[in-house]
Amino acid sequence: GKRRRQLDYLKATDIERYRSILKALNLRK
């Protein structure tokens, strides 16, 4: 989906932000 592409983009351009977002998503589960 769209979010998936945003994450791939972030992973390529802003790995720190990508990691913090992943952390936030994991905490939400």
PDB file of N, CA and C in Angstrom:
ATOM      1  N   GLY A   1       0.814  -1.200   0.000  1.00  0.00           N
ATOM      2  CA  GLY A   1       0.000   0.000   0.000  1.00  0.00           C
ATOM      3  C   GLY A   1       0.853   1.258   0.000  1.00  0.00           C
ATOM      4  N   LYS A   2       0.207   2.371   0.171  1.00  0.00           N
ATOM      5  CA  LYS A   2       0.904   3.659   0.116  1.00  0.00           C
ATOM      6  C   LYS A   2       1.898   3.790   1.263  1.00  0.00           C
ATOM      7  N   ARG A   3       1.468   3.396   2.465  1.00  0.00           N
ATOM      8  CA  ARG A   3       2.359   3.526   3.622  1.00  0.00           C
ATOM      9  C   ARG A   3       3.631   2.711   3.412  1.00  0.00           C
ATOM     10  N   ARG A   4       3.471   1.525   2.834  1.00  0.00           N
ATOM     11  CA  ARG A   4       4.628   0.660   2.583  1.00  0.00           C
ATOM     12  C   ARG A   4       5.680   1.403   1.752  1.00  0.00           C
ATOM     13  N   ARG A   5       5.215   2.132   0.745  1.00  0.00           N
ATOM     14  CA  ARG A   5       6.136   2.860  -0.118  1.00  0.00           C
ATOM     15  C   ARG A   5       6.790   4.008   0.636  1.00  0.00           C
ATOM     16  N   GLN A   6       6.030   4.660   1.491  1.00  0.00           N
ATOM     17  CA  GLN A   6       6.607   5.744   2.287  1.00  0.00           C
ATOM     18  C   GLN A   6       7.723   5.216   3.169  1.00  0.00           C
ATOM     19  N   LEU A   7       7.513   4.040   3.749  1.00  0.00           N
ATOM     20  CA  LEU A   7       8.536   3.469   4.623  1.00  0.00           C
ATOM     21  C   LEU A   7       9.776   3.095   3.831  1.00  0.00           C
ATOM     22  N   ASP A   8       9.582   2.527   2.648  1.00  0.00           N
ATOM     23  CA  ASP A   8      10.744   2.184   1.821  1.00  0.00           C
ATOM     24  C   ASP A   8      11.522   3.439   1.466  1.00  0.00           C
ATOM     25  N   TYR A   9      10.788   4.516   1.164  1.00  0.00           N
ATOM     26  CA  TYR A   9      11.433   5.786   0.835  1.00  0.00           C
ATOM     27  C   TYR A   9      12.210   6.322   2.033  1.00  0.00           C
ATOM     28  N   LEU A  10      11.576   6.280   3.192  1.00  0.00           N
ATOM     29  CA  LEU A  10      12.245   6.756   4.401  1.00  0.00           C
ATOM     30  C   LEU A  10      13.480   5.934   4.704  1.00  0.00           C
ATOM     31  N   LYS A  11      13.360   4.623   4.507  1.00  0.00           N
ATOM     32  CA  LYS A  11      14.490   3.749   4.800  1.00  0.00           C
ATOM     33  C   LYS A  11      15.688   4.154   3.949  1.00  0.00           C
ATOM     34  N   ALA A  12      15.420   4.604   2.743  1.00  0.00           N
ATOM     35  CA  ALA A  12      16.500   4.977   1.834  1.00  0.00           C
ATOM     36  C   ALA A  12      17.041   6.368   2.134  1.00  0.00           C
ATOM     37  N   THR A  13      16.191   7.255   2.659  1.00  0.00           N
ATOM     38  CA  THR A  13      16.591   8.656   2.769  1.00  0.00           C
ATOM     39  C   THR A  13      16.804   9.113   4.206  1.00  0.00           C
ATOM     40  N   ASP A  14      16.079   8.503   5.151  1.00  0.00           N
ATOM     41  CA  ASP A  14      16.120   8.989   6.537  1.00  0.00           C
ATOM     42  C   ASP A  14      15.978   7.806   7.488  1.00  0.00           C
ATOM     43  N   ILE A  15      17.056   7.035   7.586  1.00  0.00           N
ATOM     44  CA  ILE A  15      16.993   5.769   8.324  1.00  0.00           C
ATOM     45  C   ILE A  15      16.647   5.979   9.793  1.00  0.00           C
ATOM     46  N   GLU A  16      17.098   7.067  10.367  1.00  0.00           N
ATOM     47  CA  GLU A  16      16.805   7.311  11.788  1.00  0.00           C
ATOM     48  C   GLU A  16      15.309   7.495  12.002  1.00  0.00           C
ATOM     49  N   ARG A  17      14.685   8.291  11.137  1.00  0.00           N
ATOM     50  CA  ARG A  17      13.255   8.525  11.268  1.00  0.00           C
ATOM     51  C   ARG A  17      12.495   7.229  11.018  1.00  0.00           C
ATOM     52  N   TYR A  18      12.954   6.471  10.035  1.00  0.00           N
ATOM     53  CA  TYR A  18      12.346   5.178   9.726  1.00  0.00           C
ATOM     54  C   TYR A  18      12.352   4.278  10.951  1.00  0.00           C
ATOM     55  N   ARG A  19      13.499   4.225  11.631  1.00  0.00           N
ATOM     56  CA  ARG A  19      13.602   3.356  12.812  1.00  0.00           C
ATOM     57  C   ARG A  19      12.680   3.828  13.924  1.00  0.00           C
ATOM     58  N   SER A  20      12.613   5.141  14.137  1.00  0.00           N
ATOM     59  CA  SER A  20      11.769   5.628  15.229  1.00  0.00           C
ATOM     60  C   SER A  20      10.296   5.375  14.908  1.00  0.00           C
ATOM     61  N   ILE A  21       9.939   5.468  13.638  1.00  0.00           N
ATOM     62  CA  ILE A  21       8.555   5.182  13.247  1.00  0.00           C
ATOM     63  C   ILE A  21       8.249   3.707  13.459  1.00  0.00           C
ATOM     64  N   LEU A  22       9.170   2.849  13.081  1.00  0.00           N
ATOM     65  CA  LEU A  22       8.959   1.416  13.300  1.00  0.00           C
ATOM     66  C   LEU A  22       8.783   1.126  14.782  1.00  0.00           C
ATOM     67  N   LYS A  23       9.577   1.782  15.597  1.00  0.00           N
ATOM     68  CA  LYS A  23       9.465   1.577  17.046  1.00  0.00           C
ATOM     69  C   LYS A  23       8.078   1.986  17.522  1.00  0.00           C
ATOM     70  N   ALA A  24       7.613   3.125  17.043  1.00  0.00           N
ATOM     71  CA  ALA A  24       6.299   3.611  17.457  1.00  0.00           C
ATOM     72  C   ALA A  24       5.208   2.644  17.003  1.00  0.00           C
ATOM     73  N   LEU A  25       5.344   2.120  15.798  1.00  0.00           N
ATOM     74  CA  LEU A  25       4.339   1.179  15.302  1.00  0.00           C
ATOM     75  C   LEU A  25       4.344  -0.097  16.122  1.00  0.00           C
ATOM     76  N   ASN A  26       5.522  -0.556  16.503  1.00  0.00           N
ATOM     77  CA  ASN A  26       5.604  -1.777  17.308  1.00  0.00           C
ATOM     78  C   ASN A  26       4.991  -1.571  18.683  1.00  0.00           C
ATOM     79  N   LEU A  27       5.193  -0.395  19.253  1.00  0.00           N
ATOM     80  CA  LEU A  27       4.642  -0.129  20.579  1.00  0.00           C
ATOM     81  C   LEU A  27       3.117  -0.118  20.533  1.00  0.00           C
ATOM     82  N   ARG A  28       2.562   0.284  19.408  1.00  0.00           N
ATOM     83  CA  ARG A  28       1.122   0.430  19.308  1.00  0.00           C
ATOM     84  C   ARG A  28       0.421  -0.926  19.301  1.00  0.00           C
ATOM     85  N   LYS A  29       1.105  -1.965  18.826  1.00  0.00           N
ATOM     86  CA  LYS A  29       0.472  -3.289  18.730  1.00  0.00           C
ATOM     87  C   LYS A  29       0.009  -3.794  20.093  1.00  0.00           C
TER      88      LYS A  29
END
